[in-house]
Amino acid sequence: MLVVYDSLTGNIQRFVNKLDFKKVKIHNNLLIDDPFVLITYTIGFGEVPENVRDFLLSNHKHLKGVAASGNRNWGAYFCKAADLLSAQYNVPVIHKFELSGTKKDIDIFTQEVNNIV
């Protein structure tokens, strides 16, 4: 399964570097024609980043699940972007992890993605 991601602070980049999946970072005009899972961050008070929203406008048909990185200090807004995208595109929230995740987070994410496949 392809993992599509965006990383603002580097935490998600560090997380995906530990994965054994093919991965691609969101960039302008990226078009995906294969099933993928998305890993995003949350900005502001529980908002989806604009570049992630823009990417999904053209690519949501192949979205199979979403995960997010966040900081638990944000309380109810922790990884809220994953919840919003899950509801908007009717896909499961695969996992929510703090910062760049732990070995356990990698294992959970990997198992959940493999369950989708």
N, C-alpha and C. Protein backbone atom coordinates (compact mmCIF):
# COMPACT_ATOMS: atom_id res chain seq x y z
N MET A 1 0.85 -1.19 0.00
CA MET A 1 0.00 0.00 0.00
C MET A 1 0.89 1.24 0.00
N LEU A 2 0.51 2.18 -0.78
CA LEU A 2 1.22 3.45 -0.87
C LEU A 2 0.84 4.33 0.32
N VAL A 3 1.84 4.99 0.90
CA VAL A 3 1.62 5.95 1.98
C VAL A 3 1.93 7.34 1.42
N VAL A 4 0.92 8.21 1.45
CA VAL A 4 1.08 9.59 1.04
C VAL A 4 1.07 10.42 2.31
N TYR A 5 1.97 11.38 2.42
CA TYR A 5 2.09 12.11 3.68
C TYR A 5 2.51 13.54 3.44
N ASP A 6 2.32 14.34 4.48
CA ASP A 6 2.90 15.66 4.52
C ASP A 6 3.43 15.87 5.93
N SER A 7 4.50 16.62 6.03
CA SER A 7 5.16 16.83 7.31
C SER A 7 5.57 18.29 7.43
N LEU A 8 5.11 18.94 8.47
CA LEU A 8 5.43 20.34 8.68
C LEU A 8 6.70 20.50 9.51
N THR A 9 6.80 19.75 10.61
CA THR A 9 7.92 19.90 11.54
C THR A 9 8.96 18.81 11.42
N GLY A 10 8.69 17.80 10.59
CA GLY A 10 9.63 16.68 10.46
C GLY A 10 9.21 15.44 11.21
N ASN A 11 8.21 15.55 12.09
CA ASN A 11 7.78 14.38 12.86
C ASN A 11 7.22 13.28 11.96
N ILE A 12 6.37 13.64 11.03
CA ILE A 12 5.79 12.63 10.14
C ILE A 12 6.86 12.08 9.21
N GLN A 13 7.77 12.91 8.77
CA GLN A 13 8.88 12.44 7.93
C GLN A 13 9.69 11.37 8.66
N ARG A 14 9.97 11.60 9.95
CA ARG A 14 10.71 10.60 10.74
C ARG A 14 9.88 9.32 10.88
N PHE A 15 8.58 9.47 11.06
CA PHE A 15 7.70 8.30 11.18
C PHE A 15 7.71 7.47 9.90
N VAL A 16 7.48 8.11 8.76
CA VAL A 16 7.41 7.34 7.50
C VAL A 16 8.74 6.73 7.11
N ASN A 17 9.83 7.35 7.54
CA ASN A 17 11.15 6.77 7.26
C ASN A 17 11.33 5.40 7.92
N LYS A 18 10.53 5.10 8.93
CA LYS A 18 10.61 3.82 9.64
C LYS A 18 9.67 2.77 9.04
N LEU A 19 8.86 3.17 8.06
CA LEU A 19 7.88 2.25 7.47
C LEU A 19 8.46 1.47 6.30
N ASP A 20 7.93 0.27 6.09
CA ASP A 20 8.34 -0.57 4.97
C ASP A 20 7.35 -0.50 3.81
N PHE A 21 6.72 0.64 3.65
CA PHE A 21 5.79 0.85 2.55
C PHE A 21 6.39 1.86 1.58
N LYS A 22 5.96 1.78 0.33
CA LYS A 22 6.30 2.82 -0.63
C LYS A 22 5.64 4.11 -0.15
N LYS A 23 6.35 5.22 -0.23
CA LYS A 23 5.80 6.47 0.28
C LYS A 23 6.13 7.63 -0.63
N VAL A 24 5.27 8.65 -0.58
CA VAL A 24 5.48 9.86 -1.37
C VAL A 24 4.96 11.04 -0.57
N LYS A 25 5.73 12.11 -0.58
CA LYS A 25 5.34 13.33 0.12
C LYS A 25 4.48 14.18 -0.82
N ILE A 26 3.46 14.79 -0.25
CA ILE A 26 2.57 15.66 -1.03
C ILE A 26 3.37 16.84 -1.58
N HIS A 27 3.15 17.10 -2.86
CA HIS A 27 3.75 18.27 -3.50
C HIS A 27 2.75 18.78 -4.54
N ASN A 28 2.99 19.95 -5.06
CA ASN A 28 2.07 20.56 -6.03
C ASN A 28 1.81 19.63 -7.21
N ASN A 29 0.56 19.53 -7.59
CA ASN A 29 0.12 18.77 -8.76
C ASN A 29 0.36 17.26 -8.66
N LEU A 30 0.52 16.73 -7.46
CA LEU A 30 0.68 15.29 -7.28
C LEU A 30 -0.63 14.59 -7.59
N LEU A 31 -0.58 13.62 -8.50
CA LEU A 31 -1.75 12.80 -8.83
C LEU A 31 -1.44 11.34 -8.52
N ILE A 32 -2.32 10.71 -7.79
CA ILE A 32 -2.14 9.32 -7.37
C ILE A 32 -3.25 8.49 -8.02
N ASP A 33 -2.85 7.44 -8.73
CA ASP A 33 -3.82 6.57 -9.40
C ASP A 33 -3.91 5.20 -8.74
N ASP A 34 -3.33 5.05 -7.57
CA ASP A 34 -3.34 3.79 -6.85
C ASP A 34 -3.95 3.99 -5.47
N PRO A 35 -4.45 2.93 -4.85
CA PRO A 35 -4.95 3.05 -3.48
C PRO A 35 -3.83 3.54 -2.55
N PHE A 36 -4.19 4.40 -1.62
CA PHE A 36 -3.20 4.92 -0.68
C PHE A 36 -3.83 5.23 0.66
N VAL A 37 -2.97 5.31 1.67
CA VAL A 37 -3.35 5.84 2.98
C VAL A 37 -2.61 7.15 3.16
N LEU A 38 -3.22 8.04 3.92
CA LEU A 38 -2.69 9.38 4.12
C LEU A 38 -2.26 9.55 5.56
N ILE A 39 -1.10 10.18 5.75
CA ILE A 39 -0.68 10.61 7.09
C ILE A 39 -0.55 12.12 7.05
N THR A 40 -1.23 12.78 7.97
CA THR A 40 -1.23 14.23 8.01
C THR A 40 -0.98 14.74 9.43
N TYR A 41 -0.87 16.02 9.53
CA TYR A 41 -0.79 16.71 10.81
C TYR A 41 -2.04 17.57 10.93
N THR A 42 -2.23 18.18 12.07
CA THR A 42 -3.35 19.08 12.31
C THR A 42 -2.79 20.47 12.56
N ILE A 43 -3.44 21.47 12.00
CA ILE A 43 -3.00 22.84 12.24
C ILE A 43 -4.07 23.61 13.00
N GLY A 44 -3.66 24.75 13.56
CA GLY A 44 -4.61 25.60 14.25
C GLY A 44 -5.38 24.85 15.31
N PHE A 45 -6.65 25.11 15.35
CA PHE A 45 -7.52 24.46 16.33
C PHE A 45 -8.30 23.34 15.68
N GLY A 46 -7.58 22.28 15.30
CA GLY A 46 -8.21 21.09 14.75
C GLY A 46 -8.51 21.16 13.28
N GLU A 47 -7.69 21.84 12.50
CA GLU A 47 -7.96 22.01 11.07
C GLU A 47 -7.05 21.14 10.21
N VAL A 48 -7.57 20.80 9.03
CA VAL A 48 -6.80 20.06 8.04
C VAL A 48 -5.90 21.07 7.31
N PRO A 49 -4.62 20.75 7.14
CA PRO A 49 -3.74 21.67 6.40
C PRO A 49 -4.25 21.91 4.98
N GLU A 50 -4.09 23.13 4.51
CA GLU A 50 -4.60 23.52 3.19
C GLU A 50 -4.01 22.67 2.07
N ASN A 51 -2.70 22.36 2.15
CA ASN A 51 -2.09 21.56 1.09
C ASN A 51 -2.65 20.14 1.06
N VAL A 52 -3.02 19.61 2.20
CA VAL A 52 -3.63 18.28 2.26
C VAL A 52 -5.04 18.34 1.66
N ARG A 53 -5.80 19.38 2.02
CA ARG A 53 -7.14 19.55 1.44
C ARG A 53 -7.05 19.67 -0.08
N ASP A 54 -6.11 20.48 -0.56
CA ASP A 54 -5.95 20.66 -2.00
C ASP A 54 -5.58 19.35 -2.69
N PHE A 55 -4.66 18.60 -2.10
CA PHE A 55 -4.25 17.32 -2.66
C PHE A 55 -5.45 16.37 -2.78
N LEU A 56 -6.28 16.33 -1.75
CA LEU A 56 -7.40 15.39 -1.74
C LEU A 56 -8.51 15.78 -2.72
N LEU A 57 -8.58 17.02 -3.11
CA LEU A 57 -9.58 17.42 -4.10
C LEU A 57 -9.46 16.59 -5.37
N SER A 58 -8.23 16.30 -5.77
CA SER A 58 -7.98 15.53 -7.00
C SER A 58 -7.69 14.06 -6.76
N ASN A 59 -7.47 13.67 -5.52
CA ASN A 59 -6.99 12.31 -5.25
C ASN A 59 -7.83 11.49 -4.27
N HIS A 60 -8.92 12.02 -3.76
CA HIS A 60 -9.66 11.33 -2.70
C HIS A 60 -10.27 10.01 -3.15
N LYS A 61 -10.44 9.79 -4.44
CA LYS A 61 -11.07 8.55 -4.92
C LYS A 61 -10.28 7.31 -4.53
N HIS A 62 -8.98 7.46 -4.35
CA HIS A 62 -8.12 6.31 -4.03
C HIS A 62 -7.73 6.26 -2.55
N LEU A 63 -8.25 7.18 -1.75
CA LEU A 63 -7.95 7.22 -0.31
C LEU A 63 -8.62 6.06 0.39
N LYS A 64 -7.84 5.28 1.14
CA LYS A 64 -8.37 4.10 1.84
C LYS A 64 -8.36 4.23 3.35
N GLY A 65 -7.63 5.21 3.88
CA GLY A 65 -7.56 5.41 5.32
C GLY A 65 -6.68 6.59 5.63
N VAL A 66 -6.78 7.10 6.85
CA VAL A 66 -6.02 8.27 7.25
C VAL A 66 -5.45 8.08 8.65
N ALA A 67 -4.25 8.61 8.84
CA ALA A 67 -3.60 8.62 10.15
C ALA A 67 -3.09 10.03 10.38
N ALA A 68 -2.77 10.32 11.64
CA ALA A 68 -2.27 11.67 11.94
C ALA A 68 -1.28 11.63 13.08
N SER A 69 -0.40 12.60 13.03
CA SER A 69 0.55 12.87 14.11
C SER A 69 0.09 14.14 14.81
N GLY A 70 0.35 14.20 16.09
CA GLY A 70 -0.03 15.40 16.85
C GLY A 70 0.67 15.45 18.18
N ASN A 71 0.24 16.40 18.99
CA ASN A 71 0.77 16.57 20.33
C ASN A 71 -0.41 16.54 21.28
N ARG A 72 -0.35 15.66 22.26
CA ARG A 72 -1.48 15.48 23.19
C ARG A 72 -1.76 16.73 24.01
N ASN A 73 -0.84 17.67 24.04
CA ASN A 73 -1.08 18.94 24.75
C ASN A 73 -2.26 19.70 24.15
N TRP A 74 -2.65 19.38 22.92
CA TRP A 74 -3.77 20.06 22.27
C TRP A 74 -5.12 19.48 22.67
N GLY A 75 -5.12 18.50 23.56
CA GLY A 75 -6.37 17.95 24.10
C GLY A 75 -7.30 17.44 23.03
N ALA A 76 -8.52 17.98 22.98
CA ALA A 76 -9.55 17.53 22.04
C ALA A 76 -9.14 17.75 20.59
N TYR A 77 -8.17 18.62 20.34
CA TYR A 77 -7.72 18.89 18.98
C TYR A 77 -6.61 17.95 18.52
N PHE A 78 -6.18 17.04 19.40
CA PHE A 78 -5.11 16.08 19.07
C PHE A 78 -5.52 15.28 17.83
N CYS A 79 -4.75 15.42 16.76
CA CYS A 79 -4.96 14.66 15.52
C CYS A 79 -6.37 14.82 14.95
N LYS A 80 -6.98 15.93 15.21
CA LYS A 80 -8.36 16.18 14.77
C LYS A 80 -8.50 16.12 13.24
N ALA A 81 -7.45 16.47 12.51
CA ALA A 81 -7.51 16.41 11.04
C ALA A 81 -7.87 15.01 10.57
N ALA A 82 -7.38 13.98 11.23
CA ALA A 82 -7.70 12.60 10.85
C ALA A 82 -9.20 12.35 11.00
N ASP A 83 -9.78 12.83 12.08
CA ASP A 83 -11.22 12.64 12.30
C ASP A 83 -12.04 13.36 11.23
N LEU A 84 -11.63 14.58 10.90
CA LEU A 84 -12.36 15.36 9.90
C LEU A 84 -12.30 14.69 8.52
N LEU A 85 -11.12 14.24 8.13
CA LEU A 85 -10.96 13.60 6.83
C LEU A 85 -11.67 12.25 6.78
N SER A 86 -11.63 11.53 7.88
CA SER A 86 -12.34 10.25 7.96
C SER A 86 -13.83 10.45 7.71
N ALA A 87 -14.39 11.45 8.34
CA ALA A 87 -15.82 11.72 8.18
C ALA A 87 -16.13 12.24 6.78
N GLN A 88 -15.29 13.11 6.26
CA GLN A 88 -15.54 13.72 4.96
C GLN A 88 -15.47 12.69 3.83
N TYR A 89 -14.51 11.76 3.92
CA TYR A 89 -14.29 10.82 2.81
C TYR A 89 -14.72 9.39 3.14
N ASN A 90 -15.33 9.21 4.30
CA ASN A 90 -15.84 7.91 4.70
C ASN A 90 -14.77 6.82 4.64
N VAL A 91 -13.64 7.09 5.26
CA VAL A 91 -12.54 6.14 5.37
C VAL A 91 -12.18 6.01 6.85
N PRO A 92 -11.55 4.91 7.23
CA PRO A 92 -11.21 4.74 8.65
C PRO A 92 -10.02 5.59 9.09
N VAL A 93 -10.03 5.94 10.36
CA VAL A 93 -8.83 6.50 10.99
C VAL A 93 -7.98 5.29 11.35
N ILE A 94 -6.83 5.20 10.73
CA ILE A 94 -5.95 4.06 10.93
C ILE A 94 -5.26 4.12 12.29
N HIS A 95 -4.72 5.32 12.60
CA HIS A 95 -3.99 5.47 13.85
C HIS A 95 -3.71 6.94 14.11
N LYS A 96 -3.61 7.28 15.38
CA LYS A 96 -3.18 8.61 15.80
C LYS A 96 -1.96 8.40 16.70
N PHE A 97 -0.91 9.16 16.42
CA PHE A 97 0.31 9.00 17.22
C PHE A 97 0.87 10.35 17.59
N GLU A 98 1.65 10.34 18.65
CA GLU A 98 2.23 11.59 19.13
C GLU A 98 3.60 11.81 18.50
N LEU A 99 3.79 13.03 18.00
CA LEU A 99 5.06 13.49 17.44
C LEU A 99 5.53 12.55 16.34
N SER A 100 6.71 11.91 16.49
CA SER A 100 7.20 11.02 15.43
C SER A 100 6.92 9.55 15.73
N GLY A 101 6.10 9.30 16.74
CA GLY A 101 5.67 7.94 17.03
C GLY A 101 6.73 7.09 17.71
N THR A 102 6.30 5.94 18.14
CA THR A 102 7.16 4.97 18.81
C THR A 102 7.19 3.69 17.97
N LYS A 103 7.96 2.73 18.38
CA LYS A 103 7.98 1.42 17.72
C LYS A 103 6.58 0.80 17.74
N LYS A 104 5.89 0.97 18.85
CA LYS A 104 4.53 0.44 18.96
C LYS A 104 3.60 1.11 17.94
N ASP A 105 3.76 2.42 17.76
CA ASP A 105 2.95 3.14 16.77
C ASP A 105 3.22 2.62 15.36
N ILE A 106 4.48 2.36 15.04
CA ILE A 106 4.83 1.80 13.73
C ILE A 106 4.15 0.46 13.55
N ASP A 107 4.20 -0.38 14.59
CA ASP A 107 3.59 -1.72 14.51
C ASP A 107 2.08 -1.63 14.32
N ILE A 108 1.43 -0.74 15.06
CA ILE A 108 -0.03 -0.58 14.94
C ILE A 108 -0.39 -0.08 13.55
N PHE A 109 0.30 0.96 13.10
CA PHE A 109 0.03 1.52 11.78
C PHE A 109 0.20 0.44 10.71
N THR A 110 1.30 -0.28 10.76
CA THR A 110 1.59 -1.32 9.77
C THR A 110 0.49 -2.38 9.77
N GLN A 111 0.08 -2.82 10.93
CA GLN A 111 -0.97 -3.84 11.04
C GLN A 111 -2.28 -3.32 10.46
N GLU A 112 -2.64 -2.09 10.77
CA GLU A 112 -3.89 -1.53 10.27
C GLU A 112 -3.88 -1.34 8.76
N VAL A 113 -2.76 -0.91 8.21
CA VAL A 113 -2.65 -0.77 6.76
C VAL A 113 -2.76 -2.15 6.11
N ASN A 114 -2.09 -3.14 6.67
CA ASN A 114 -2.16 -4.49 6.11
C ASN A 114 -3.58 -5.06 6.20
N ASN A 115 -4.35 -4.64 7.19
CA ASN A 115 -5.76 -5.06 7.29
C ASN A 115 -6.60 -4.47 6.16
N ILE A 116 -6.23 -3.29 5.69
CA ILE A 116 -6.96 -2.66 4.59
C ILE A 116 -6.66 -3.38 3.28
N VAL A 117 -5.42 -3.78 3.12
CA VAL A 117 -5.01 -4.45 1.88
C VAL A 117 -5.74 -5.77 1.80
